[in-house]
Amino acid sequence: MARIYQTPSMGEAHVRVNLSERGTADLLVHRVSSWGLARGDALWFITKDKQVADVWLYFTSPGMAEVRICFVDSYGEAGWQTPHRLQGRFGR
């Protein structure tokens, strides 16, 4: 599952991400409305409870980010656009 928590502190984040344009994104992400629909790296359920999250993210500038993401509207578009060292990290 990809249960995601957005942390306000870079120090406690598991992954630093940058919200970028579709053409420059490494990962296209579709936000889902329930835990049951979250799976793999690209279908994220975003929670406000960090204790139930699998990955804690910190949104930062492009230069500080480990991965660039873009939110998309459909399941079919979601996925990795380029090979990346973080593949498999979000959907453990």
Protein backbone atom coordinates (compact mmCIF):
# COMPACT_ATOMS: atom_id res chain seq x y z
CA MET A 1 0.00 0.00 0.00
CA ALA A 2 1.03 3.58 -0.53
CA ARG A 3 -0.19 5.33 2.60
CA ILE A 4 1.43 8.75 2.56
CA TYR A 5 1.89 11.36 5.28
CA GLN A 6 3.12 14.88 4.49
CA THR A 7 5.49 15.93 7.25
CA PRO A 8 6.25 19.59 8.03
CA SER A 9 9.88 18.71 8.89
CA MET A 10 12.52 17.70 6.36
CA GLY A 11 14.44 15.93 9.11
CA GLU A 12 11.76 13.33 9.78
CA ALA A 13 10.87 12.67 6.14
CA HIS A 14 11.59 9.31 4.53
CA VAL A 15 11.59 10.85 1.03
CA ARG A 16 11.94 14.42 -0.24
CA VAL A 17 9.67 15.13 -3.23
CA ASN A 18 9.09 17.99 -5.61
CA LEU A 19 5.74 18.69 -7.21
CA SER A 20 6.63 19.28 -10.85
CA GLU A 21 5.17 19.50 -14.33
CA ARG A 22 4.03 16.29 -15.98
CA GLY A 23 6.80 16.39 -18.57
CA THR A 24 9.59 16.55 -15.98
CA ALA A 25 8.09 14.19 -13.38
CA ASP A 26 9.70 10.87 -12.53
CA LEU A 27 6.45 9.50 -11.08
CA LEU A 28 2.84 10.24 -12.00
CA VAL A 29 0.64 9.77 -8.92
CA HIS A 30 -3.11 9.24 -8.65
CA ARG A 31 -4.65 10.07 -5.27
CA VAL A 32 -7.21 7.49 -4.12
CA SER A 33 -10.00 7.93 -1.58
CA SER A 34 -9.49 4.81 0.55
CA TRP A 35 -6.76 2.52 1.91
CA GLY A 36 -8.09 -0.39 -0.09
CA LEU A 37 -7.48 1.36 -3.40
CA ALA A 38 -3.89 2.35 -2.55
CA ARG A 39 -1.33 0.00 -4.07
CA GLY A 40 1.99 0.09 -5.80
CA ASP A 41 4.07 3.23 -6.05
CA ALA A 42 1.60 5.37 -7.95
CA LEU A 43 -1.78 5.04 -6.19
CA TRP A 44 -1.53 7.05 -2.99
CA PHE A 45 -3.85 7.34 -0.02
CA ILE A 46 -2.83 10.50 1.83
CA THR A 47 -3.44 10.37 5.58
CA LYS A 48 -3.20 12.96 8.35
CA ASP A 49 -2.14 10.26 10.84
CA LYS A 50 1.60 9.66 10.55
CA GLN A 51 1.42 6.52 12.68
CA VAL A 52 -0.51 4.63 9.98
CA ALA A 53 1.52 5.93 7.04
CA ASP A 54 4.06 3.79 5.18
CA VAL A 55 6.06 6.76 3.87
CA TRP A 56 6.50 10.28 5.21
CA LEU A 57 7.10 12.90 2.52
CA TYR A 58 8.48 16.40 2.62
CA PHE A 59 7.74 18.67 -0.36
CA THR A 60 10.79 20.71 -1.31
CA SER A 61 12.54 22.51 -4.15
CA PRO A 62 13.67 20.62 -7.27
CA GLY A 63 17.32 20.76 -6.20
CA MET A 64 16.67 19.15 -2.81
CA ALA A 65 14.18 16.53 -4.00
CA GLU A 66 14.93 12.83 -4.38
CA VAL A 67 12.01 12.33 -6.76
CA ARG A 68 9.78 14.60 -8.86
CA ILE A 69 6.05 13.80 -8.88
CA CYS A 70 2.97 15.03 -10.69
CA PHE A 71 -0.60 14.28 -9.63
CA VAL A 72 -2.83 12.92 -12.42
CA ASP A 73 -6.57 12.38 -12.69
CA SER A 74 -6.78 8.74 -13.77
CA TYR A 75 -5.52 5.35 -12.65
CA GLY A 76 -4.26 4.51 -16.13
CA GLU A 77 -1.86 7.44 -16.27
CA ALA A 78 -0.24 6.75 -12.91
CA GLY A 79 3.20 5.16 -12.81
CA TRP A 80 6.91 5.68 -13.19
CA GLN A 81 7.97 7.68 -16.24
CA THR A 82 11.68 6.98 -15.88
CA PRO A 83 13.67 4.22 -14.20
CA HIS A 84 14.42 5.40 -10.67
CA ARG A 85 16.27 4.13 -7.59
CA LEU A 86 13.12 4.65 -5.47
CA GLN A 87 10.96 2.26 -7.50
CA GLY A 88 9.14 0.00 -5.05
CA ARG A 89 9.70 2.39 -2.10
CA PHE A 90 6.20 3.83 -1.90
CA GLY A 91 4.18 0.65 -2.25
CA ARG A 92 5.84 -1.69 0.19
